[in-house]
């Protein structure tokens, strides 16, 4: 019984940290609460919220999915999972675009020494084998 109260204490203190914008401390207290009671849904929700504030969307999403497993009827759980999946997907697309642009800039800086750019090349995929080939645009 005392252990149950200890997990509630950690969960409540996590809430206080969250509302004071101490998100790392909120996560630490939620971790303690969840270590004591892995089915403590409120602590999982609080940790998910704090993780999202720290832009750790994949971790926040994992907590929401854990809640869905524990209590599939938890209010708005599907809506929040869908929202975070969309945010996470958008962030990954943005990161991929930025990485591709940086690689393109690097390629252009090297090819520029020879009077060329990456736009002078075309990549094509063989539909039968899935292999890629690079050829020059003419």
Protein backbone atom coordinates (compact mmCIF):
# COMPACT_ATOMS: atom_id res chain seq x y z
CA UNK A 1 0.00 0.00 0.00
CA UNK A 2 2.82 2.41 0.91
CA UNK A 3 4.55 1.72 -2.40
CA UNK A 4 1.37 2.68 -4.28
CA UNK A 5 1.31 6.00 -2.45
CA UNK A 6 4.96 6.54 -3.32
CA UNK A 7 4.21 6.19 -7.04
CA UNK A 8 1.33 8.67 -6.65
CA UNK A 9 3.67 11.06 -4.83
CA UNK A 10 6.16 10.91 -7.71
CA UNK A 11 3.34 11.38 -10.22
CA UNK A 12 2.01 14.44 -8.39
CA UNK A 13 5.45 15.95 -8.04
CA UNK A 14 5.98 15.34 -11.76
CA UNK A 15 2.85 17.37 -12.44
CA UNK A 16 4.20 20.23 -10.34
CA UNK A 17 7.51 20.12 -12.24
CA UNK A 18 5.64 20.08 -15.54
CA UNK A 19 3.62 23.20 -14.72
CA UNK A 20 6.82 24.94 -13.58
CA UNK A 21 8.33 24.13 -17.01
CA UNK A 22 10.85 21.76 -15.39
CA UNK A 23 10.27 19.07 -17.99
CA UNK A 24 13.40 17.01 -17.32
CA UNK A 25 12.54 16.80 -13.63
CA UNK A 26 8.96 15.88 -14.51
CA UNK A 27 10.27 13.04 -16.67
CA UNK A 28 12.56 11.84 -13.87
CA UNK A 29 9.68 11.72 -11.39
CA UNK A 30 7.44 9.97 -13.89
CA UNK A 31 10.19 7.41 -14.46
CA UNK A 32 10.26 6.76 -10.70
CA UNK A 33 6.47 6.44 -10.55
CA UNK A 34 6.39 4.08 -13.53
CA UNK A 35 9.24 1.99 -12.09
CA UNK A 36 7.04 1.40 -9.05
CA UNK A 37 3.81 0.87 -11.04
CA UNK A 38 4.23 0.21 -14.76
CA UNK A 39 0.45 0.55 -15.25
CA UNK A 40 0.28 4.07 -13.79
CA UNK A 41 -1.44 5.72 -16.75
CA UNK A 42 -1.37 9.26 -15.33
CA UNK A 43 2.42 9.08 -14.99
CA UNK A 44 2.70 7.84 -18.58
CA UNK A 45 0.51 10.73 -19.76
CA UNK A 46 2.55 13.27 -17.80
CA UNK A 47 5.81 11.85 -19.09
CA UNK A 48 4.47 11.91 -22.65
CA UNK A 49 3.51 15.57 -22.29
CA UNK A 50 6.94 16.48 -20.87
CA UNK A 51 8.74 14.51 -23.57
CA UNK A 52 6.74 16.32 -26.22
CA UNK A 53 7.71 19.69 -24.70
CA UNK A 54 11.37 18.63 -25.02
CA UNK A 55 10.73 17.68 -28.68
CA UNK A 56 11.29 13.98 -27.99
CA UNK A 57 8.31 13.00 -30.10
CA UNK A 58 9.22 9.35 -30.64
CA UNK A 59 9.54 8.77 -26.88
CA UNK A 60 6.27 10.62 -26.22
CA UNK A 61 4.58 8.52 -28.88
CA UNK A 62 5.89 5.32 -27.28
CA UNK A 63 4.28 6.35 -23.97
CA UNK A 64 0.96 7.03 -25.68
CA UNK A 65 1.07 3.62 -27.35
CA UNK A 66 1.76 2.03 -23.96
CA UNK A 67 -1.31 3.77 -22.58
CA UNK A 68 -3.38 2.46 -25.50
CA UNK A 69 -2.25 -1.07 -24.61
CA UNK A 70 -3.12 -0.61 -20.93
CA UNK A 71 -6.43 1.19 -21.52
CA UNK A 72 -7.62 1.34 -25.14
CA UNK A 73 -10.60 3.49 -24.06
CA UNK A 74 -8.47 6.21 -22.43
CA UNK A 75 -9.96 9.57 -23.51
CA UNK A 76 -8.46 10.98 -26.72
CA UNK A 77 -5.63 8.41 -26.81
CA UNK A 78 -6.11 7.57 -30.51
CA UNK A 79 -6.43 11.25 -31.41
CA UNK A 80 -3.19 12.07 -29.55
CA UNK A 81 -1.33 9.13 -31.08
CA UNK A 82 -2.41 10.23 -34.55
CA UNK A 83 -1.40 13.83 -33.80
CA UNK A 84 2.09 12.82 -32.62
CA UNK A 85 2.56 10.38 -35.49
CA UNK A 86 1.77 13.20 -37.91
CA UNK A 87 4.17 15.60 -36.14
CA UNK A 88 6.88 12.96 -36.05
CA UNK A 89 6.42 12.15 -39.73
CA UNK A 90 6.52 15.83 -40.69
CA UNK A 91 9.69 16.31 -38.67
CA UNK A 92 11.35 13.30 -40.32
CA UNK A 93 10.46 14.62 -43.78
CA UNK A 94 11.90 18.02 -42.87
CA UNK A 95 15.11 16.40 -41.59
CA UNK A 96 15.42 14.27 -44.74
CA UNK A 97 14.94 17.34 -46.94
CA UNK A 98 17.55 19.30 -44.98
CA UNK A 99 20.03 16.41 -45.14
CA UNK A 100 19.46 15.97 -48.86
CA UNK A 101 19.93 19.69 -49.46
CA UNK A 102 23.20 19.66 -47.51
CA UNK A 103 24.45 16.65 -49.47
CA UNK A 104 23.49 18.40 -52.68
CA UNK A 105 25.41 21.51 -51.59
CA UNK A 106 28.44 19.37 -50.77
CA UNK A 107 28.24 17.67 -54.16
CA UNK A 108 27.93 21.01 -55.92
CA UNK A 109 30.95 22.41 -54.07
CA UNK A 110 33.08 19.50 -55.27
CA UNK A 111 31.66 19.26 -58.79
CA UNK A 112 31.90 23.05 -59.17
CA UNK A 113 35.67 22.63 -59.47
CA UNK A 114 35.01 20.77 -62.74
CA UNK A 115 32.32 23.12 -64.05
CA UNK A 116 29.50 20.75 -63.15
CA UNK A 117 26.72 20.42 -60.60
CA UNK A 118 24.58 17.59 -59.25
CA UNK A 119 21.81 18.79 -61.58
CA UNK A 120 23.98 17.54 -64.47
CA UNK A 121 23.28 13.97 -63.32
CA UNK A 122 20.18 11.82 -63.28
CA UNK A 123 19.46 8.85 -61.02
CA UNK A 124 17.20 6.09 -62.26
CA UNK A 125 16.03 2.89 -60.64
CA UNK A 126 15.69 -0.37 -62.52
CA UNK A 127 12.12 -1.55 -61.83
CA UNK A 128 13.12 -5.23 -62.21
CA UNK A 129 16.11 -5.31 -59.86
CA UNK A 130 15.61 -2.20 -57.75
CA UNK A 131 19.22 -1.16 -58.37
CA UNK A 132 20.09 2.45 -59.07
CA UNK A 133 22.22 3.93 -61.83
CA UNK A 134 23.58 7.42 -62.32
CA UNK A 135 23.91 8.97 -65.74
CA UNK A 136 24.70 12.41 -67.11
CA UNK A 137 21.89 14.60 -68.40
CA UNK A 138 22.44 15.67 -71.95
